Amino acid sequence: MASEDDRIRDLLTTTRRIAVVGASDRPDRASHGVMGFLLARGYDAVPVNPMLAGHEIHGRKVLASLEEAGPLDMVDVFRRSSEAGAVMDEAVRLGAKSVWLQLGVVDEAAAARAREAGVAVVMDRCPVIEWRRLGLPSQLDR
C-alpha cells in the first residue's frame, strides 16, 4: 500500500487542471498565493468565486461556479469546513479525480462520501507546503 507521501506526490505530479474554489484577488490571501504557485508550476488553474466572477486573478478569468470550470482533475477548496462538504459533493458529481481541502478545513463525512465514489481526498494540507516538503521540481513537464 502506498504511503500518504506517495499518494500526495502522485496527486501533485499527475494532476493537470485544478479549480481553486474561494480564489481571492487579494495578494495577502492564501488562495491568491497558492493559485499563483500552481500556475507557475504548469497547472491549468482556474479561479472559482461567484463574488469575483468575470474578474481576473493571475490573468485567469474567475468563474462563478465549479460546474463552469470542468472538466477537472482536482478541486482545491478554500472554504470553511462547514461549507466544504457541499463543494466536495459537487466535485464528485462533476467527476473530479481529487479534492484538496486547505489547512484547517476538514469534513470527515464528505470525505468518506467522496472516497466511496472513488475520489482521492486530502484534508487540512496545503499543496504549496506539500510540494516543497516532498522536494518536487520547480515546474512539472506538461
N, C-alpha and C. Protein backbone atom coordinates (compact mmCIF):
# COMPACT_ATOMS: atom_id res chain seq x y z
N MET A 1 0.85 -1.19 0.00
CA MET A 1 0.00 0.00 0.00
C MET A 1 0.89 1.25 0.00
N ALA A 2 0.53 2.22 -0.81
CA ALA A 2 1.32 3.44 -0.93
C ALA A 2 1.22 4.27 0.35
N SER A 3 2.31 4.94 0.67
CA SER A 3 2.30 5.83 1.83
C SER A 3 1.53 7.10 1.50
N GLU A 4 1.17 7.85 2.53
CA GLU A 4 0.48 9.12 2.32
C GLU A 4 1.34 10.06 1.47
N ASP A 5 2.65 10.09 1.71
CA ASP A 5 3.53 10.93 0.89
C ASP A 5 3.51 10.50 -0.57
N ASP A 6 3.51 9.19 -0.82
CA ASP A 6 3.46 8.71 -2.21
C ASP A 6 2.15 9.11 -2.86
N ARG A 7 1.06 9.02 -2.12
CA ARG A 7 -0.26 9.38 -2.65
C ARG A 7 -0.30 10.87 -3.00
N ILE A 8 0.20 11.71 -2.10
CA ILE A 8 0.21 13.15 -2.35
C ILE A 8 1.15 13.50 -3.50
N ARG A 9 2.31 12.87 -3.55
CA ARG A 9 3.25 13.10 -4.65
C ARG A 9 2.58 12.74 -5.98
N ASP A 10 1.89 11.61 -6.01
CA ASP A 10 1.20 11.17 -7.22
C ASP A 10 0.13 12.18 -7.64
N LEU A 11 -0.66 12.65 -6.68
CA LEU A 11 -1.69 13.65 -7.00
C LEU A 11 -1.07 14.91 -7.58
N LEU A 12 -0.01 15.38 -6.94
CA LEU A 12 0.61 16.64 -7.38
C LEU A 12 1.32 16.51 -8.72
N THR A 13 1.77 15.32 -9.06
CA THR A 13 2.52 15.16 -10.31
C THR A 13 1.68 14.66 -11.48
N THR A 14 0.47 14.19 -11.22
CA THR A 14 -0.38 13.71 -12.33
C THR A 14 -1.56 14.62 -12.62
N THR A 15 -1.86 15.52 -11.72
CA THR A 15 -2.96 16.46 -11.90
C THR A 15 -2.59 17.48 -12.97
N ARG A 16 -3.57 17.87 -13.77
CA ARG A 16 -3.35 18.90 -14.79
C ARG A 16 -4.24 20.14 -14.55
N ARG A 17 -5.54 19.93 -14.43
CA ARG A 17 -6.49 21.05 -14.32
C ARG A 17 -7.05 21.10 -12.91
N ILE A 18 -6.92 22.28 -12.29
CA ILE A 18 -7.33 22.46 -10.90
C ILE A 18 -8.28 23.66 -10.81
N ALA A 19 -9.42 23.46 -10.15
CA ALA A 19 -10.30 24.59 -9.81
C ALA A 19 -9.93 25.02 -8.40
N VAL A 20 -9.66 26.31 -8.23
CA VAL A 20 -9.35 26.87 -6.91
C VAL A 20 -10.62 27.57 -6.42
N VAL A 21 -11.38 26.86 -5.58
CA VAL A 21 -12.65 27.38 -5.08
C VAL A 21 -12.40 28.30 -3.89
N GLY A 22 -12.90 29.52 -4.02
CA GLY A 22 -12.64 30.53 -3.00
C GLY A 22 -11.41 31.36 -3.32
N ALA A 23 -10.99 31.33 -4.59
CA ALA A 23 -9.83 32.11 -5.02
C ALA A 23 -10.07 33.59 -4.72
N SER A 24 -9.02 34.26 -4.30
CA SER A 24 -9.13 35.68 -3.95
C SER A 24 -8.24 36.52 -4.85
N ASP A 25 -8.69 37.74 -5.11
CA ASP A 25 -7.87 38.69 -5.86
C ASP A 25 -6.98 39.51 -4.93
N ARG A 26 -7.06 39.24 -3.65
CA ARG A 26 -6.25 39.97 -2.67
C ARG A 26 -4.91 39.25 -2.46
N PRO A 27 -3.80 39.91 -2.78
CA PRO A 27 -2.49 39.28 -2.67
C PRO A 27 -2.14 38.77 -1.26
N ASP A 28 -2.78 39.29 -0.23
CA ASP A 28 -2.49 38.86 1.14
C ASP A 28 -3.23 37.58 1.53
N ARG A 29 -4.08 37.07 0.66
CA ARG A 29 -4.86 35.86 0.96
C ARG A 29 -4.12 34.62 0.47
N ALA A 30 -4.20 33.55 1.25
CA ALA A 30 -3.51 32.30 0.91
C ALA A 30 -3.96 31.77 -0.45
N SER A 31 -5.26 31.87 -0.75
CA SER A 31 -5.75 31.33 -2.02
C SER A 31 -5.12 32.04 -3.22
N HIS A 32 -4.82 33.31 -3.07
CA HIS A 32 -4.17 34.07 -4.14
C HIS A 32 -2.76 33.54 -4.37
N GLY A 33 -2.02 33.36 -3.29
CA GLY A 33 -0.66 32.86 -3.40
C GLY A 33 -0.59 31.43 -3.92
N VAL A 34 -1.48 30.58 -3.44
CA VAL A 34 -1.49 29.19 -3.89
C VAL A 34 -1.83 29.12 -5.38
N MET A 35 -2.78 29.91 -5.82
CA MET A 35 -3.13 29.89 -7.24
C MET A 35 -1.94 30.31 -8.09
N GLY A 36 -1.24 31.36 -7.69
CA GLY A 36 -0.04 31.79 -8.42
C GLY A 36 1.02 30.71 -8.45
N PHE A 37 1.20 30.03 -7.33
CA PHE A 37 2.16 28.94 -7.23
C PHE A 37 1.80 27.82 -8.20
N LEU A 38 0.53 27.44 -8.23
CA LEU A 38 0.09 26.36 -9.12
C LEU A 38 0.30 26.73 -10.59
N LEU A 39 -0.05 27.95 -10.95
CA LEU A 39 0.15 28.39 -12.32
C LEU A 39 1.63 28.37 -12.70
N ALA A 40 2.49 28.82 -11.79
CA ALA A 40 3.93 28.84 -12.04
C ALA A 40 4.51 27.44 -12.20
N ARG A 41 3.83 26.43 -11.66
CA ARG A 41 4.29 25.05 -11.77
C ARG A 41 3.73 24.35 -13.00
N GLY A 42 2.97 25.06 -13.80
CA GLY A 42 2.47 24.49 -15.04
C GLY A 42 1.07 23.92 -15.00
N TYR A 43 0.37 24.10 -13.89
CA TYR A 43 -1.02 23.63 -13.82
C TYR A 43 -1.95 24.57 -14.57
N ASP A 44 -3.04 24.04 -15.06
CA ASP A 44 -4.12 24.83 -15.63
C ASP A 44 -5.07 25.13 -14.47
N ALA A 45 -4.77 26.17 -13.72
CA ALA A 45 -5.54 26.52 -12.52
C ALA A 45 -6.62 27.53 -12.88
N VAL A 46 -7.84 27.25 -12.43
CA VAL A 46 -9.00 28.07 -12.74
C VAL A 46 -9.59 28.62 -11.44
N PRO A 47 -9.67 29.95 -11.30
CA PRO A 47 -10.27 30.50 -10.08
C PRO A 47 -11.80 30.42 -10.12
N VAL A 48 -12.38 30.01 -8.99
CA VAL A 48 -13.84 29.92 -8.87
C VAL A 48 -14.25 30.72 -7.65
N ASN A 49 -15.05 31.76 -7.88
CA ASN A 49 -15.53 32.61 -6.79
C ASN A 49 -16.69 33.44 -7.34
N PRO A 50 -17.93 33.13 -6.94
CA PRO A 50 -19.08 33.85 -7.50
C PRO A 50 -19.04 35.36 -7.23
N MET A 51 -18.39 35.76 -6.16
CA MET A 51 -18.31 37.20 -5.84
C MET A 51 -17.37 37.95 -6.78
N LEU A 52 -16.46 37.23 -7.45
CA LEU A 52 -15.48 37.86 -8.34
C LEU A 52 -15.64 37.42 -9.80
N ALA A 53 -16.73 36.73 -10.11
CA ALA A 53 -16.93 36.20 -11.45
C ALA A 53 -16.75 37.29 -12.50
N GLY A 54 -16.00 36.94 -13.54
CA GLY A 54 -15.73 37.87 -14.63
C GLY A 54 -14.46 38.67 -14.45
N HIS A 55 -13.98 38.81 -13.23
CA HIS A 55 -12.71 39.49 -12.99
C HIS A 55 -11.57 38.53 -13.33
N GLU A 56 -10.34 38.97 -13.14
CA GLU A 56 -9.19 38.10 -13.37
C GLU A 56 -8.34 37.99 -12.12
N ILE A 57 -7.79 36.81 -11.91
CA ILE A 57 -6.80 36.56 -10.87
C ILE A 57 -5.62 35.89 -11.58
N HIS A 58 -4.45 36.47 -11.45
CA HIS A 58 -3.25 35.95 -12.11
C HIS A 58 -3.50 35.74 -13.61
N GLY A 59 -4.26 36.64 -14.23
CA GLY A 59 -4.51 36.56 -15.66
C GLY A 59 -5.55 35.53 -16.07
N ARG A 60 -6.19 34.90 -15.10
CA ARG A 60 -7.21 33.90 -15.39
C ARG A 60 -8.58 34.44 -15.03
N LYS A 61 -9.55 34.24 -15.92
CA LYS A 61 -10.91 34.71 -15.68
C LYS A 61 -11.53 33.91 -14.54
N VAL A 62 -12.12 34.63 -13.59
CA VAL A 62 -12.78 33.99 -12.46
C VAL A 62 -14.15 33.51 -12.89
N LEU A 63 -14.44 32.26 -12.57
CA LEU A 63 -15.72 31.65 -12.89
C LEU A 63 -16.63 31.68 -11.68
N ALA A 64 -17.92 31.69 -11.93
CA ALA A 64 -18.90 31.79 -10.85
C ALA A 64 -19.16 30.46 -10.16
N SER A 65 -18.95 29.36 -10.88
CA SER A 65 -19.30 28.06 -10.29
C SER A 65 -18.30 26.98 -10.68
N LEU A 66 -18.27 25.97 -9.88
CA LEU A 66 -17.41 24.82 -10.15
C LEU A 66 -17.81 24.15 -11.46
N GLU A 67 -19.09 24.11 -11.72
CA GLU A 67 -19.58 23.47 -12.94
C GLU A 67 -18.99 24.14 -14.19
N GLU A 68 -18.83 25.46 -14.17
CA GLU A 68 -18.25 26.18 -15.31
C GLU A 68 -16.79 25.82 -15.52
N ALA A 69 -16.12 25.33 -14.49
CA ALA A 69 -14.68 25.08 -14.55
C ALA A 69 -14.32 23.73 -15.14
N GLY A 70 -15.29 22.82 -15.27
CA GLY A 70 -14.99 21.46 -15.70
C GLY A 70 -14.49 21.37 -17.13
N PRO A 71 -13.95 20.22 -17.50
CA PRO A 71 -13.66 19.06 -16.66
C PRO A 71 -12.45 19.32 -15.77
N LEU A 72 -12.41 18.65 -14.63
CA LEU A 72 -11.39 18.92 -13.63
C LEU A 72 -10.68 17.64 -13.19
N ASP A 73 -9.41 17.82 -12.86
CA ASP A 73 -8.68 16.74 -12.20
C ASP A 73 -8.81 16.92 -10.69
N MET A 74 -8.59 18.15 -10.22
CA MET A 74 -8.58 18.43 -8.79
C MET A 74 -9.40 19.67 -8.47
N VAL A 75 -10.02 19.66 -7.30
CA VAL A 75 -10.69 20.83 -6.77
C VAL A 75 -9.98 21.18 -5.47
N ASP A 76 -9.40 22.37 -5.42
CA ASP A 76 -8.68 22.86 -4.24
C ASP A 76 -9.61 23.83 -3.52
N VAL A 77 -9.99 23.50 -2.29
CA VAL A 77 -11.07 24.21 -1.60
C VAL A 77 -10.55 25.15 -0.52
N PHE A 78 -10.81 26.42 -0.70
CA PHE A 78 -10.54 27.47 0.28
C PHE A 78 -11.88 27.96 0.82
N ARG A 79 -12.56 27.14 1.58
CA ARG A 79 -13.83 27.48 2.19
C ARG A 79 -13.80 26.97 3.62
N ARG A 80 -14.70 27.46 4.45
CA ARG A 80 -14.81 26.96 5.82
C ARG A 80 -15.18 25.48 5.80
N SER A 81 -14.80 24.79 6.86
CA SER A 81 -15.15 23.36 6.97
C SER A 81 -16.64 23.15 6.81
N SER A 82 -17.45 24.05 7.36
CA SER A 82 -18.91 23.91 7.29
C SER A 82 -19.43 24.03 5.86
N GLU A 83 -18.66 24.60 4.96
CA GLU A 83 -19.07 24.77 3.57
C GLU A 83 -18.36 23.81 2.62
N ALA A 84 -17.35 23.12 3.14
CA ALA A 84 -16.51 22.27 2.28
C ALA A 84 -17.25 21.05 1.76
N GLY A 85 -18.14 20.49 2.56
CA GLY A 85 -18.85 19.28 2.15
C GLY A 85 -19.66 19.47 0.89
N ALA A 86 -20.35 20.58 0.78
CA ALA A 86 -21.15 20.85 -0.42
C ALA A 86 -20.25 20.97 -1.65
N VAL A 87 -19.10 21.61 -1.49
CA VAL A 87 -18.16 21.74 -2.61
C VAL A 87 -17.62 20.36 -2.98
N MET A 88 -17.29 19.57 -1.97
CA MET A 88 -16.77 18.23 -2.23
C MET A 88 -17.81 17.37 -2.95
N ASP A 89 -19.05 17.44 -2.51
CA ASP A 89 -20.12 16.68 -3.16
C ASP A 89 -20.29 17.10 -4.62
N GLU A 90 -20.21 18.40 -4.88
CA GLU A 90 -20.33 18.89 -6.25
C GLU A 90 -19.14 18.43 -7.09
N ALA A 91 -17.95 18.45 -6.52
CA ALA A 91 -16.75 17.99 -7.23
C ALA A 91 -16.91 16.52 -7.63
N VAL A 92 -17.43 15.72 -6.73
CA VAL A 92 -17.67 14.30 -7.03
C VAL A 92 -18.69 14.18 -8.15
N ARG A 93 -19.78 14.92 -8.05
CA ARG A 93 -20.83 14.88 -9.07
C ARG A 93 -20.29 15.27 -10.44
N LEU A 94 -19.34 16.21 -10.46
CA LEU A 94 -18.78 16.70 -11.73
C LEU A 94 -17.64 15.84 -12.25
N GLY A 95 -17.26 14.81 -11.51
CA GLY A 95 -16.24 13.90 -12.00
C GLY A 95 -14.80 14.25 -11.68
N ALA A 96 -14.57 15.13 -10.71
CA ALA A 96 -13.19 15.45 -10.31
C ALA A 96 -12.51 14.18 -9.80
N LYS A 97 -11.22 14.08 -10.05
CA LYS A 97 -10.47 12.91 -9.60
C LYS A 97 -10.02 13.04 -8.16
N SER A 98 -9.85 14.30 -7.71
CA SER A 98 -9.42 14.51 -6.33
C SER A 98 -9.96 15.84 -5.81
N VAL A 99 -10.05 15.90 -4.47
CA VAL A 99 -10.45 17.12 -3.79
C VAL A 99 -9.42 17.38 -2.70
N TRP A 100 -8.96 18.61 -2.63
CA TRP A 100 -7.93 19.02 -1.68
C TRP A 100 -8.53 20.09 -0.79
N LEU A 101 -8.63 19.82 0.51
CA LEU A 101 -9.11 20.82 1.46
C LEU A 101 -7.91 21.45 2.14
N GLN A 102 -7.89 22.76 2.13
CA GLN A 102 -6.75 23.52 2.62
C GLN A 102 -6.56 23.40 4.14
N LEU A 103 -5.48 23.98 4.62
CA LEU A 103 -5.16 23.96 6.05
C LEU A 103 -6.35 24.41 6.88
N GLY A 104 -6.68 23.62 7.89
CA GLY A 104 -7.77 23.96 8.79
C GLY A 104 -9.14 23.55 8.28
N VAL A 105 -9.22 22.99 7.08
CA VAL A 105 -10.51 22.62 6.50
C VAL A 105 -10.64 21.09 6.55
N VAL A 106 -11.65 20.63 7.29
CA VAL A 106 -11.88 19.19 7.47
C VAL A 106 -13.38 18.91 7.45
N ASP A 107 -13.76 17.89 6.71
CA ASP A 107 -15.14 17.39 6.73
C ASP A 107 -15.06 15.89 6.50
N GLU A 108 -15.01 15.14 7.59
CA GLU A 108 -14.82 13.69 7.52
C GLU A 108 -15.98 12.99 6.81
N ALA A 109 -17.21 13.43 7.04
CA ALA A 109 -18.36 12.79 6.42
C ALA A 109 -18.33 12.97 4.90
N ALA A 110 -18.04 14.19 4.44
CA ALA A 110 -17.96 14.44 3.00
C ALA A 110 -16.78 13.69 2.39
N ALA A 111 -15.68 13.62 3.13
CA ALA A 111 -14.50 12.88 2.64
C ALA A 111 -14.85 11.40 2.45
N ALA A 112 -15.60 10.83 3.39
CA ALA A 112 -15.99 9.43 3.28
C ALA A 112 -16.87 9.22 2.05
N ARG A 113 -17.80 10.15 1.80
CA ARG A 113 -18.66 10.04 0.61
C ARG A 113 -17.82 10.11 -0.66
N ALA A 114 -16.88 11.04 -0.69
CA ALA A 114 -16.03 11.21 -1.88
C ALA A 114 -15.17 9.96 -2.11
N ARG A 115 -14.57 9.47 -1.05
CA ARG A 115 -13.72 8.27 -1.19
C ARG A 115 -14.54 7.08 -1.67
N GLU A 116 -15.75 6.95 -1.15
CA GLU A 116 -16.62 5.85 -1.58
C GLU A 116 -16.94 5.95 -3.07
N ALA A 117 -16.96 7.18 -3.59
CA ALA A 117 -17.21 7.41 -5.01
C ALA A 117 -15.93 7.30 -5.84
N GLY A 118 -14.81 6.96 -5.19
CA GLY A 118 -13.55 6.78 -5.90
C GLY A 118 -12.73 8.03 -6.08
N VAL A 119 -13.05 9.08 -5.35
CA VAL A 119 -12.32 10.34 -5.46
C VAL A 119 -11.27 10.41 -4.35
N ALA A 120 -10.06 10.78 -4.72
CA ALA A 120 -8.99 10.95 -3.74
C ALA A 120 -9.24 12.22 -2.94
N VAL A 121 -8.98 12.17 -1.64
CA VAL A 121 -9.22 13.32 -0.76
C VAL A 121 -7.97 13.61 0.06
N VAL A 122 -7.61 14.88 0.12
CA VAL A 122 -6.55 15.37 1.01
C VAL A 122 -7.20 16.47 1.84
N MET A 123 -7.04 16.39 3.16
CA MET A 123 -7.64 17.41 4.03
C MET A 123 -6.59 18.02 4.94
N ASP A 124 -6.83 19.29 5.26
CA ASP A 124 -6.02 20.02 6.23
C ASP A 124 -4.55 20.08 5.81
N ARG A 125 -4.33 20.27 4.51
CA ARG A 125 -2.97 20.39 3.97
C ARG A 125 -2.96 21.42 2.85
N CYS A 126 -1.79 21.96 2.60
CA CYS A 126 -1.61 22.95 1.54
C CYS A 126 -0.71 22.37 0.46
N PRO A 127 -1.12 22.42 -0.81
CA PRO A 127 -0.27 21.86 -1.86
C PRO A 127 1.09 22.55 -1.96
N VAL A 128 1.16 23.83 -1.66
CA VAL A 128 2.46 24.53 -1.70
C VAL A 128 3.40 23.94 -0.66
N ILE A 129 2.91 23.78 0.55
CA ILE A 129 3.73 23.22 1.63
C ILE A 129 4.13 21.79 1.29
N GLU A 130 3.19 20.99 0.79
CA GLU A 130 3.48 19.60 0.44
C GLU A 130 4.46 19.52 -0.72
N TRP A 131 4.30 20.38 -1.71
CA TRP A 131 5.22 20.43 -2.86
C TRP A 131 6.65 20.62 -2.37
N ARG A 132 6.82 21.61 -1.53
CA ARG A 132 8.17 21.91 -1.02
C ARG A 132 8.69 20.82 -0.10
N ARG A 133 7.83 20.30 0.77
CA ARG A 133 8.24 19.26 1.70
C ARG A 133 8.68 17.99 0.97
N LEU A 134 8.00 17.67 -0.12
CA LEU A 134 8.34 16.48 -0.88
C LEU A 134 9.46 16.70 -1.88
N GLY A 135 9.93 17.93 -2.00
CA GLY A 135 11.05 18.23 -2.88
C GLY A 135 10.74 18.06 -4.35
N LEU A 136 9.52 18.41 -4.74
CA LEU A 136 9.14 18.30 -6.15
C LEU A 136 9.85 19.37 -6.97
N PRO A 137 10.00 19.14 -8.27
CA PRO A 137 10.75 20.09 -9.11
C PRO A 137 10.08 21.46 -9.20
N SER A 138 10.83 22.45 -9.63
CA SER A 138 10.30 23.81 -9.69
C SER A 138 9.12 23.91 -10.67
N GLN A 139 9.12 23.06 -11.69
CA GLN A 139 7.99 23.03 -12.61
C GLN A 139 7.88 21.64 -13.20
N LEU A 140 6.68 21.17 -13.32
CA LEU A 140 6.46 19.86 -13.91
C LEU A 140 6.41 19.97 -15.42
N ASP A 141 6.83 18.92 -16.10
CA ASP A 141 6.69 18.87 -17.55
C ASP A 141 5.22 18.69 -17.87
N ARG A 142 4.71 19.55 -18.69
CA ARG A 142 3.28 19.49 -19.04
C ARG A 142 3.14 19.20 -20.49
